[in-house]
Amino acid sequence: MNAAISLSIALFLAALAVWGLLLAAAGRPPSRGYLIAVVVAEIELVLQAAVAGVLIVAGHDPDSLGEFLGYLVVTVALLPVALNRARHPQATRFDAAVVGVTAVAVGVATLRLLSLW
């Protein structure tokens, strides 16, 4: 895993969190642009997980493999769950808040992955 790429993903997730929470504070549901940005973040996370998987298969051994794999699954699986409800036609401002808070959690998990690597 590349530290610069992981940090840039974490910063992008922090920006998504702020955006989602601002939407919720304004009483607006998730916008199309916001949902597209969340999908871009998910693509980045899937690519990061794929690279980490290849490096593990190639012989790199993280400090705690089980913990690392757990965080890796969380980073890939959490955003789609939040996004599923947020893209619903009856989405509310609370859905924007849920995606924002989820982005915070995934950002923290991404930083934790970097520390375990």
Protein backbone atom coordinates (compact mmCIF):
# COMPACT_ATOMS: atom_id res chain seq x y z
CA MET A 1 0.00 0.00 0.00
CA ASN A 2 1.19 3.45 -0.85
CA ALA A 3 1.04 5.96 2.00
CA ALA A 4 0.38 8.95 -0.25
CA ILE A 5 -2.51 7.22 -2.00
CA SER A 6 -4.02 6.02 1.29
CA LEU A 7 -3.78 9.51 2.76
CA SER A 8 -5.36 11.05 -0.33
CA ILE A 9 -8.25 8.57 -0.09
CA ALA A 10 -8.69 9.42 3.60
CA LEU A 11 -8.73 13.16 2.77
CA PHE A 12 -11.27 12.60 0.00
CA LEU A 13 -13.45 10.66 2.46
CA ALA A 14 -13.13 13.52 4.96
CA ALA A 15 -14.32 15.94 2.28
CA LEU A 16 -17.25 13.63 1.52
CA ALA A 17 -18.09 13.54 5.22
CA VAL A 18 -18.16 17.33 5.46
CA TRP A 19 -20.22 17.58 2.25
CA GLY A 20 -22.76 15.02 3.50
CA LEU A 21 -23.08 16.65 6.89
CA LEU A 22 -23.50 20.08 5.28
CA LEU A 23 -26.27 18.68 3.08
CA ALA A 24 -27.96 17.26 6.16
CA ALA A 25 -27.60 20.54 8.06
CA ALA A 26 -29.17 22.37 5.11
CA GLY A 27 -32.07 19.90 5.16
CA ARG A 28 -31.29 18.54 1.70
CA PRO A 29 -31.13 14.93 0.56
CA PRO A 30 -27.98 13.64 -1.14
CA SER A 31 -27.49 15.32 -4.51
CA ARG A 32 -26.55 13.50 -7.70
CA GLY A 33 -23.06 15.02 -7.61
CA TYR A 34 -22.58 13.85 -4.05
CA LEU A 35 -23.64 10.31 -4.91
CA ILE A 36 -21.24 10.26 -7.87
CA ALA A 37 -18.41 11.39 -5.58
CA VAL A 38 -19.25 8.57 -3.16
CA VAL A 39 -19.11 6.06 -6.02
CA VAL A 40 -15.68 7.45 -7.01
CA ALA A 41 -14.53 6.95 -3.41
CA GLU A 42 -15.78 3.37 -3.48
CA ILE A 43 -13.89 2.70 -6.71
CA GLU A 44 -10.72 4.04 -5.08
CA LEU A 45 -11.27 1.80 -2.07
CA VAL A 46 -11.83 -1.29 -4.22
CA LEU A 47 -8.63 -0.58 -6.17
CA GLN A 48 -6.71 -0.09 -2.93
CA ALA A 49 -8.07 -3.40 -1.60
CA ALA A 50 -7.10 -5.17 -4.83
CA VAL A 51 -3.54 -3.83 -4.64
CA ALA A 52 -3.30 -4.83 -0.97
CA GLY A 53 -4.58 -8.31 -1.83
CA VAL A 54 -2.01 -8.73 -4.58
CA LEU A 55 0.79 -7.57 -2.29
CA ILE A 56 -0.30 -9.98 0.45
CA VAL A 57 -0.38 -12.87 -2.03
CA ALA A 58 3.06 -11.77 -3.27
CA GLY A 59 4.46 -12.23 0.21
CA HIS A 60 4.01 -9.02 2.20
CA ASP A 61 2.85 -9.79 5.73
CA PRO A 62 1.07 -6.99 7.63
CA ASP A 63 1.63 -6.79 11.39
CA SER A 64 -1.72 -8.41 12.15
CA LEU A 65 -3.11 -10.11 9.06
CA GLY A 66 -6.53 -10.87 10.53
CA GLU A 67 -7.05 -7.31 11.76
CA PHE A 68 -5.77 -5.93 8.45
CA LEU A 69 -8.19 -8.08 6.44
CA GLY A 70 -11.05 -7.06 8.73
CA TYR A 71 -10.37 -3.37 8.16
CA LEU A 72 -9.96 -4.04 4.44
CA VAL A 73 -13.42 -5.62 4.28
CA VAL A 74 -14.90 -2.68 6.23
CA THR A 75 -13.39 -0.12 3.88
CA VAL A 76 -14.89 -1.83 0.85
CA ALA A 77 -18.26 -2.91 2.28
CA LEU A 78 -19.46 0.04 4.38
CA LEU A 79 -20.01 2.77 1.78
CA PRO A 80 -22.23 0.68 -0.53
CA VAL A 81 -24.55 -0.07 2.39
CA ALA A 82 -24.98 3.64 3.13
CA LEU A 83 -25.18 4.48 -0.56
CA ASN A 84 -27.98 1.99 -1.15
CA ARG A 85 -30.45 3.99 0.91
CA ALA A 86 -29.08 7.41 -0.13
CA ARG A 87 -29.80 6.82 -3.81
CA HIS A 88 -33.44 5.94 -3.12
CA PRO A 89 -35.95 8.46 -4.58
CA GLN A 90 -37.37 9.15 -1.11
CA ALA A 91 -33.94 9.91 0.38
CA THR A 92 -33.96 12.49 3.14
CA ARG A 93 -31.40 14.74 4.77
CA PHE A 94 -30.75 11.95 7.27
CA ASP A 95 -29.51 9.75 4.43
CA ALA A 96 -26.95 12.43 3.56
CA ALA A 97 -25.89 12.44 7.22
CA VAL A 98 -25.61 8.64 7.28
CA VAL A 99 -23.34 8.67 4.22
CA GLY A 100 -21.28 11.48 5.78
CA VAL A 101 -20.80 9.61 9.04
CA THR A 102 -20.02 6.42 7.12
CA ALA A 103 -17.35 8.32 5.17
CA VAL A 104 -15.77 9.29 8.51
CA ALA A 105 -15.72 5.65 9.64
CA VAL A 106 -14.25 4.44 6.35
CA GLY A 107 -11.63 7.20 6.44
CA VAL A 108 -10.55 6.12 9.92
CA ALA A 109 -10.43 2.49 8.79
CA THR A 110 -8.28 3.52 5.81
CA LEU A 111 -5.82 5.26 8.11
CA ARG A 112 -5.79 2.20 10.37
CA LEU A 113 -4.98 0.01 7.37
CA LEU A 114 -2.01 2.23 6.67
CA SER A 115 -0.76 1.91 10.24
CA LEU A 116 -1.07 -1.90 10.12
CA TRP A 117 0.76 -2.18 6.81
